[in-house]
Amino acid sequence: MFSGIVEAMATVIAIEKDRENITFTLECPFTDELHIDESVSHNGVCLTVIDCHDGKYSVTAMKETLDRSNLGLLKVGDKVNLERAMKMDGRLDGHIVQGHVDTTARCIDTKDADGSTYFTFEYDSNTDDVKKGYFTVDKGSVAVNGVSLTVCEPTRNTFKVAIIPYTMENTNFCDIQVGTIVNIEFDILGKYIARFNEIR
């Protein structure tokens, strides 16, 4: 479980494809603190460390993960948002993020807002997805590339988020532009409510 508060960015230094899986090798500021079997959020996707030595570590994404996320689009040199699993004895500064990406979205607009930046994202939406809780609500929470954010001006298939300069500088939002594909995890609370309404 994660909080959506990004700790650092990792750099992809190698990509290896094995049938339908992809293994990524990365470097980050806390590589030496990682250990095998540890869960780490990569752009909001929970992946398990499978190797860690010489200042780098590796994780593998399987087909299901690649189909639902933007990880298959990564290239050597790309920056990835990282968060280690949440400690249960601390404050929940973001919101409950599972690291299970629901879908991807495309950035369709950016707009300066007196130092901050508004990003607008569009995602595919249909009745079945809405029944699963795949939607946003005004002032609700959403994770974009693993970053816990507050939703502004949601529509059926779009929403805005406001990014402050600190977040812009310390996450890969600095690389997001119109056309960029990002990972989306909708709020787990909305999913539980949607599921409850479906089965009652």
Protein backbone atom coordinates (compact mmCIF):
# COMPACT_ATOMS: atom_id res chain seq x y z
CA MET A 1 0.00 0.00 0.00
CA PHE A 2 1.18 3.51 -0.84
CA SER A 3 0.20 7.11 -0.14
CA GLY A 4 0.88 8.75 -3.49
CA ILE A 5 3.71 10.89 -2.10
CA VAL A 6 6.63 10.39 -4.49
CA GLU A 7 9.99 9.90 -2.76
CA ALA A 8 12.31 10.21 -5.74
CA MET A 9 12.68 9.63 -9.44
CA ALA A 10 14.52 6.64 -10.86
CA THR A 11 16.28 6.52 -14.21
CA VAL A 12 15.71 3.55 -16.51
CA ILE A 13 19.14 2.19 -17.47
CA ALA A 14 18.21 -1.09 -19.18
CA ILE A 15 15.14 -2.84 -20.59
CA GLU A 16 14.96 -6.57 -21.29
CA LYS A 17 11.98 -8.29 -22.93
CA ASP A 18 11.25 -11.95 -22.20
CA ARG A 19 8.20 -13.20 -24.09
CA GLU A 20 5.35 -11.00 -22.77
CA ASN A 21 7.23 -9.70 -19.72
CA ILE A 22 9.61 -6.75 -19.46
CA THR A 23 12.36 -6.41 -16.86
CA PHE A 24 13.48 -2.87 -16.11
CA THR A 25 16.80 -2.02 -14.48
CA LEU A 26 16.89 1.34 -12.73
CA GLU A 27 19.00 3.62 -10.57
CA CYS A 28 17.64 5.86 -7.81
CA PRO A 29 18.95 7.75 -4.75
CA PHE A 30 17.94 4.98 -2.32
CA THR A 31 18.95 1.94 -4.39
CA ASP A 32 21.33 0.77 -1.64
CA GLU A 33 18.43 0.65 0.83
CA LEU A 34 16.31 -1.67 -1.33
CA HIS A 35 16.19 -5.41 -0.94
CA ILE A 36 14.85 -8.32 -2.98
CA ASP A 37 11.07 -8.93 -2.59
CA GLU A 38 10.42 -5.31 -1.59
CA SER A 39 7.39 -3.63 -3.18
CA VAL A 40 8.06 -0.28 -4.85
CA SER A 41 5.61 1.91 -6.76
CA HIS A 42 6.87 2.82 -10.27
CA ASN A 43 4.70 5.51 -11.89
CA GLY A 44 1.98 4.21 -9.58
CA VAL A 45 2.51 0.51 -10.41
CA CYS A 46 3.45 -1.78 -7.54
CA LEU A 47 6.42 -3.92 -8.67
CA THR A 48 8.64 -6.34 -6.75
CA VAL A 49 12.40 -5.88 -6.60
CA ILE A 50 13.93 -9.05 -8.08
CA ASP A 51 17.59 -8.04 -8.13
CA CYS A 52 19.63 -5.37 -6.40
CA HIS A 53 23.39 -4.86 -6.65
CA ASP A 54 26.11 -2.45 -7.82
CA GLY A 55 23.89 0.61 -7.29
CA LYS A 56 21.05 -0.59 -9.50
CA TYR A 57 17.97 -2.76 -9.11
CA SER A 58 15.54 -4.64 -11.35
CA VAL A 59 11.77 -5.20 -11.45
CA THR A 60 9.61 -7.20 -13.87
CA ALA A 61 6.24 -6.14 -15.29
CA MET A 62 3.98 -8.87 -16.71
CA LYS A 63 1.54 -8.57 -19.61
CA GLU A 64 -1.47 -7.57 -17.48
CA THR A 65 0.52 -4.71 -15.98
CA LEU A 66 1.90 -3.63 -19.35
CA ASP A 67 -1.60 -3.66 -20.89
CA ARG A 68 -3.02 -1.39 -18.16
CA SER A 69 -0.12 1.02 -17.69
CA ASN A 70 2.40 3.19 -19.50
CA LEU A 71 5.37 1.04 -18.46
CA GLY A 72 5.60 -0.58 -21.89
CA LEU A 73 6.29 2.89 -23.33
CA LEU A 74 9.36 3.49 -21.16
CA LYS A 75 12.74 3.97 -22.83
CA VAL A 76 16.28 3.94 -21.47
CA GLY A 77 16.89 7.33 -19.88
CA ASP A 78 13.26 7.94 -18.89
CA LYS A 79 12.44 9.14 -15.38
CA VAL A 80 10.04 7.11 -13.23
CA ASN A 81 8.25 8.25 -10.06
CA LEU A 82 9.12 6.05 -7.05
CA GLU A 83 7.51 5.43 -3.69
CA ARG A 84 8.36 2.68 -1.24
CA ALA A 85 5.54 0.94 0.62
CA MET A 86 3.82 3.05 3.26
CA LYS A 87 4.76 2.59 6.90
CA MET A 88 1.70 2.06 9.08
CA ASP A 89 3.11 4.15 11.93
CA GLY A 90 3.21 7.41 9.98
CA ARG A 91 0.87 10.07 8.65
CA LEU A 92 -1.14 9.39 5.48
CA ASP A 93 -0.12 12.56 3.64
CA GLY A 94 -1.73 11.62 0.31
CA HIS A 95 -4.52 9.06 0.01
CA ILE A 96 -4.78 5.26 -0.02
CA VAL A 97 -3.03 4.11 -3.20
CA GLN A 98 -2.79 0.38 -3.88
CA GLY A 99 -0.31 0.49 -6.74
CA HIS A 100 -2.83 -1.28 -8.97
CA VAL A 101 -3.20 0.96 -12.01
CA ASP A 102 -6.70 0.94 -13.50
CA THR A 103 -6.01 2.47 -16.90
CA THR A 104 -4.00 5.08 -18.75
CA ALA A 105 -4.96 8.61 -19.70
CA ARG A 106 -3.63 11.11 -22.22
CA CYS A 107 -2.67 14.68 -21.37
CA ILE A 108 -4.83 16.90 -23.58
CA ASP A 109 -4.02 20.36 -22.18
CA THR A 110 -1.63 22.25 -19.92
CA LYS A 111 -2.19 25.76 -18.62
CA ASP A 112 -0.10 28.08 -16.46
CA ALA A 113 -1.82 29.23 -13.27
CA ASP A 114 0.39 31.93 -11.73
CA GLY A 115 3.30 29.62 -11.03
CA SER A 116 1.41 26.36 -10.78
CA THR A 117 0.26 24.35 -13.80
CA TYR A 118 -3.11 22.81 -14.62
CA PHE A 119 -2.97 19.49 -16.48
CA THR A 120 -6.06 18.06 -18.15
CA PHE A 121 -6.24 14.30 -18.73
CA GLU A 122 -8.64 12.26 -20.85
CA TYR A 123 -9.32 8.54 -20.41
CA ASP A 124 -11.60 5.99 -22.08
CA SER A 125 -14.86 5.64 -20.18
CA ASN A 126 -17.87 3.41 -20.64
CA THR A 127 -20.78 2.21 -18.51
CA ASP A 128 -18.98 -0.94 -17.38
CA ASP A 129 -15.94 1.06 -16.21
CA VAL A 130 -18.13 3.51 -14.29
CA LYS A 131 -19.84 0.58 -12.56
CA LYS A 132 -16.37 -0.53 -11.38
CA GLY A 133 -15.73 2.91 -9.86
CA TYR A 134 -13.46 4.11 -12.65
CA PHE A 135 -14.42 7.79 -12.50
CA THR A 136 -13.39 10.98 -10.74
CA VAL A 137 -15.30 13.40 -8.53
CA ASP A 138 -14.67 17.07 -7.83
CA LYS A 139 -12.23 17.52 -4.93
CA GLY A 140 -11.77 13.73 -4.81
CA SER A 141 -8.45 11.91 -5.04
CA VAL A 142 -6.73 10.33 -8.02
CA ALA A 143 -3.21 8.95 -8.52
CA VAL A 144 -1.47 10.07 -11.72
CA ASN A 145 1.82 8.23 -12.34
CA GLY A 146 1.66 7.39 -8.64
CA VAL A 147 1.24 11.00 -7.48
CA SER A 148 -1.68 11.63 -5.11
CA LEU A 149 -3.65 14.57 -6.48
CA THR A 150 -6.94 16.41 -5.99
CA VAL A 151 -9.40 16.36 -8.90
CA CYS A 152 -10.68 19.60 -10.44
CA GLU A 153 -13.52 20.01 -12.95
CA PRO A 154 -14.22 16.33 -13.72
CA THR A 155 -16.38 15.31 -16.69
CA ARG A 156 -17.44 11.85 -17.82
CA ASN A 157 -13.95 11.10 -19.13
CA THR A 158 -11.66 14.03 -18.25
CA PHE A 159 -10.33 15.76 -15.16
CA LYS A 160 -7.83 18.46 -14.22
CA VAL A 161 -5.15 18.54 -11.55
CA ALA A 162 -3.12 21.50 -10.32
CA ILE A 163 0.61 20.89 -9.96
CA ILE A 164 2.65 23.13 -7.66
CA PRO A 165 6.27 23.96 -8.55
CA TYR A 166 7.68 21.51 -5.96
CA THR A 167 5.77 18.60 -7.48
CA MET A 168 6.76 19.70 -10.96
CA GLU A 169 10.44 19.69 -10.02
CA ASN A 170 10.46 16.46 -8.01
CA THR A 171 8.29 14.12 -10.11
CA ASN A 172 8.09 13.25 -13.79
CA PHE A 173 5.31 15.80 -14.24
CA CYS A 174 8.21 17.93 -15.51
CA ASP A 175 8.22 15.69 -18.62
CA ILE A 176 4.46 15.54 -19.18
CA GLN A 177 3.16 17.48 -22.15
CA VAL A 178 0.14 17.30 -24.43
CA GLY A 179 -0.01 13.74 -25.79
CA THR A 180 1.87 12.11 -22.90
CA ILE A 181 0.34 8.86 -21.62
CA VAL A 182 0.10 8.54 -17.83
CA ASN A 183 -1.05 5.86 -15.39
CA ILE A 184 -4.30 6.37 -13.50
CA GLU A 185 -5.46 4.73 -10.29
CA PHE A 186 -8.95 5.80 -9.26
CA ASP A 187 -9.85 6.18 -5.58
CA ILE A 188 -10.32 2.79 -3.89
CA LEU A 189 -13.18 4.18 -1.78
CA GLY A 190 -15.19 4.93 -4.93
CA LYS A 191 -14.53 1.42 -6.22
CA TYR A 192 -15.84 -0.17 -3.02
CA ILE A 193 -18.98 1.96 -3.11
CA ALA A 194 -19.56 1.13 -6.79
CA ARG A 195 -19.11 -2.58 -6.10
CA PHE A 196 -21.45 -2.46 -3.08
CA ASN A 197 -24.15 -0.76 -5.17
CA GLU A 198 -23.71 -3.39 -7.89
CA ILE A 199 -24.18 -6.45 -5.64
CA ARG A 200 -26.73 -5.30 -3.10
